[in-house]
N, C-alpha and C. Protein backbone atom coordinates (compact mmCIF):
# COMPACT_ATOMS: atom_id res chain seq x y z
N MET A 1 -62.77 172.74 50.99
CA MET A 1 -63.05 171.61 51.84
C MET A 1 -64.32 170.89 51.39
N ILE A 2 -65.33 171.65 50.99
CA ILE A 2 -66.59 171.03 50.58
C ILE A 2 -66.38 170.21 49.31
N GLY A 3 -65.49 170.67 48.41
CA GLY A 3 -65.21 169.93 47.19
C GLY A 3 -64.59 168.57 47.47
N THR A 4 -63.67 168.52 48.42
CA THR A 4 -63.03 167.27 48.80
C THR A 4 -64.05 166.31 49.40
N HIS A 5 -64.94 166.84 50.23
CA HIS A 5 -65.97 166.00 50.85
C HIS A 5 -66.91 165.42 49.81
N SER A 6 -67.32 166.23 48.84
CA SER A 6 -68.25 165.74 47.82
C SER A 6 -67.58 164.73 46.90
N ARG A 7 -66.30 164.95 46.60
CA ARG A 7 -65.58 163.97 45.76
C ARG A 7 -65.45 162.64 46.49
N ARG A 8 -65.20 162.71 47.79
CA ARG A 8 -65.10 161.49 48.58
C ARG A 8 -66.44 160.76 48.61
N ALA A 9 -67.52 161.50 48.78
CA ALA A 9 -68.86 160.90 48.80
C ALA A 9 -69.17 160.25 47.45
N GLU A 10 -68.81 160.92 46.37
CA GLU A 10 -69.01 160.34 45.03
C GLU A 10 -68.21 159.06 44.87
N ARG A 11 -66.98 159.08 45.33
CA ARG A 11 -66.10 157.92 45.20
C ARG A 11 -66.65 156.73 46.00
N VAL A 12 -67.12 157.00 47.21
CA VAL A 12 -67.69 155.94 48.04
C VAL A 12 -68.94 155.36 47.39
N ALA A 13 -69.80 156.23 46.87
CA ALA A 13 -71.02 155.76 46.20
C ALA A 13 -70.67 154.94 44.96
N LEU A 14 -69.66 155.36 44.22
CA LEU A 14 -69.26 154.64 43.02
C LEU A 14 -68.67 153.27 43.36
N VAL A 15 -67.85 153.20 44.39
CA VAL A 15 -67.29 151.92 44.82
C VAL A 15 -68.41 150.98 45.27
N ALA A 16 -69.35 151.51 46.04
CA ALA A 16 -70.48 150.70 46.48
C ALA A 16 -71.29 150.20 45.29
N LEU A 17 -71.46 151.04 44.29
CA LEU A 17 -72.20 150.65 43.09
C LEU A 17 -71.48 149.52 42.35
N VAL A 18 -70.19 149.66 42.17
CA VAL A 18 -69.42 148.64 41.45
C VAL A 18 -69.46 147.30 42.21
N LEU A 19 -69.29 147.36 43.52
CA LEU A 19 -69.32 146.13 44.31
C LEU A 19 -70.70 145.48 44.28
N THR A 20 -71.74 146.29 44.32
CA THR A 20 -73.10 145.76 44.27
C THR A 20 -73.40 145.16 42.90
N LEU A 21 -72.89 145.79 41.84
CA LEU A 21 -73.04 145.21 40.50
C LEU A 21 -72.36 143.84 40.42
N ALA A 22 -71.17 143.74 40.98
CA ALA A 22 -70.44 142.47 40.97
C ALA A 22 -71.19 141.41 41.77
N LEU A 23 -71.68 141.78 42.93
CA LEU A 23 -72.42 140.84 43.77
C LEU A 23 -73.70 140.38 43.07
N THR A 24 -74.37 141.30 42.41
CA THR A 24 -75.60 140.95 41.68
C THR A 24 -75.29 140.00 40.53
N ALA A 25 -74.18 140.23 39.86
CA ALA A 25 -73.78 139.34 38.76
C ALA A 25 -73.50 137.93 39.27
N VAL A 26 -72.85 137.84 40.42
CA VAL A 26 -72.58 136.52 41.01
C VAL A 26 -73.90 135.84 41.38
N LYS A 27 -74.80 136.60 41.99
CA LYS A 27 -76.10 136.03 42.36
C LYS A 27 -76.89 135.60 41.13
N LEU A 28 -76.76 136.34 40.05
CA LEU A 28 -77.43 135.95 38.80
C LEU A 28 -76.89 134.61 38.32
N GLY A 29 -75.58 134.46 38.35
CA GLY A 29 -74.98 133.19 37.95
C GLY A 29 -75.42 132.03 38.82
N VAL A 30 -75.46 132.26 40.12
CA VAL A 30 -75.91 131.21 41.04
C VAL A 30 -77.37 130.87 40.79
N TRP A 31 -78.18 131.90 40.57
CA TRP A 31 -79.60 131.64 40.31
C TRP A 31 -79.79 130.84 39.02
N LEU A 32 -79.05 131.21 37.97
CA LEU A 32 -79.15 130.47 36.72
C LEU A 32 -78.71 129.01 36.88
N ALA A 33 -77.72 128.79 37.75
CA ALA A 33 -77.22 127.44 37.96
C ALA A 33 -78.15 126.60 38.84
N THR A 34 -78.83 127.25 39.79
CA THR A 34 -79.62 126.50 40.76
C THR A 34 -81.12 126.62 40.57
N ASP A 35 -81.55 127.67 39.90
CA ASP A 35 -82.98 127.95 39.73
C ASP A 35 -83.70 128.07 41.08
N SER A 36 -83.00 128.60 42.06
CA SER A 36 -83.54 128.73 43.42
C SER A 36 -84.31 130.04 43.56
N LEU A 37 -85.52 129.94 44.11
CA LEU A 37 -86.31 131.14 44.34
C LEU A 37 -85.68 132.04 45.41
N ALA A 38 -85.02 131.44 46.38
CA ALA A 38 -84.36 132.22 47.43
C ALA A 38 -83.23 133.07 46.83
N VAL A 39 -82.46 132.48 45.95
CA VAL A 39 -81.37 133.21 45.31
C VAL A 39 -81.93 134.28 44.38
N LEU A 40 -83.02 133.96 43.68
CA LEU A 40 -83.67 134.96 42.83
C LEU A 40 -84.11 136.16 43.66
N SER A 41 -84.68 135.89 44.82
CA SER A 41 -85.12 136.96 45.71
C SER A 41 -83.94 137.83 46.14
N GLN A 42 -82.84 137.21 46.50
CA GLN A 42 -81.65 137.96 46.90
C GLN A 42 -81.09 138.77 45.73
N MET A 43 -81.13 138.19 44.54
CA MET A 43 -80.63 138.90 43.36
C MET A 43 -81.48 140.13 43.06
N LEU A 44 -82.80 139.98 43.16
CA LEU A 44 -83.69 141.11 42.91
C LEU A 44 -83.50 142.19 43.97
N ASP A 45 -83.24 141.78 45.21
CA ASP A 45 -82.96 142.74 46.27
C ASP A 45 -81.69 143.53 45.95
N SER A 46 -80.68 142.84 45.47
CA SER A 46 -79.44 143.52 45.09
C SER A 46 -79.66 144.45 43.90
N ALA A 47 -80.54 144.05 42.98
CA ALA A 47 -80.85 144.91 41.83
C ALA A 47 -81.51 146.20 42.30
N LEU A 48 -82.37 146.10 43.29
CA LEU A 48 -82.99 147.31 43.85
C LEU A 48 -81.95 148.17 44.58
N ASP A 49 -80.97 147.53 45.19
CA ASP A 49 -79.87 148.28 45.80
C ASP A 49 -79.11 149.08 44.74
N ILE A 50 -78.96 148.52 43.56
CA ILE A 50 -78.29 149.22 42.46
C ILE A 50 -79.07 150.48 42.10
N VAL A 51 -80.38 150.36 42.01
CA VAL A 51 -81.22 151.53 41.71
C VAL A 51 -81.04 152.59 42.79
N ALA A 52 -81.05 152.16 44.05
CA ALA A 52 -80.88 153.11 45.16
C ALA A 52 -79.52 153.79 45.10
N LEU A 53 -78.48 153.04 44.78
CA LEU A 53 -77.14 153.62 44.69
C LEU A 53 -77.02 154.58 43.51
N LEU A 54 -77.68 154.26 42.41
CA LEU A 54 -77.68 155.19 41.28
C LEU A 54 -78.36 156.51 41.65
N LEU A 55 -79.47 156.41 42.38
CA LEU A 55 -80.15 157.62 42.84
C LEU A 55 -79.29 158.40 43.83
N LEU A 56 -78.58 157.68 44.70
CA LEU A 56 -77.67 158.33 45.64
C LEU A 56 -76.58 159.08 44.89
N PHE A 57 -75.97 158.42 43.92
CA PHE A 57 -74.91 159.04 43.13
C PHE A 57 -75.43 160.28 42.41
N LEU A 58 -76.62 160.17 41.84
CA LEU A 58 -77.24 161.30 41.16
C LEU A 58 -77.51 162.44 42.15
N GLY A 59 -78.00 162.10 43.31
CA GLY A 59 -78.26 163.12 44.33
C GLY A 59 -77.00 163.84 44.77
N ILE A 60 -75.92 163.10 44.92
CA ILE A 60 -74.65 163.73 45.29
C ILE A 60 -74.20 164.67 44.19
N ARG A 61 -74.33 164.23 42.94
CA ARG A 61 -73.94 165.07 41.80
C ARG A 61 -74.75 166.35 41.74
N ILE A 62 -76.06 166.24 41.95
CA ILE A 62 -76.92 167.42 41.89
C ILE A 62 -76.62 168.37 43.05
N ALA A 63 -76.33 167.81 44.21
CA ALA A 63 -76.11 168.63 45.40
C ALA A 63 -74.78 169.38 45.36
N THR A 64 -73.84 168.92 44.54
CA THR A 64 -72.53 169.58 44.55
C THR A 64 -72.26 170.34 43.29
């Protein structure tokens, strides 16, 4: 049972990571097109979310 739970947690973290990468890429494109500081701020926030998700994924891997 614990193996199934950890695989599910890994899968959820991986899906969140992929979606956040896609969102960050879109924000990068919008920022390049508009040169908006607000969009740059949002893009950098998403980039930090990627770092957090990578650490989460690593933590799940280490814990299981």
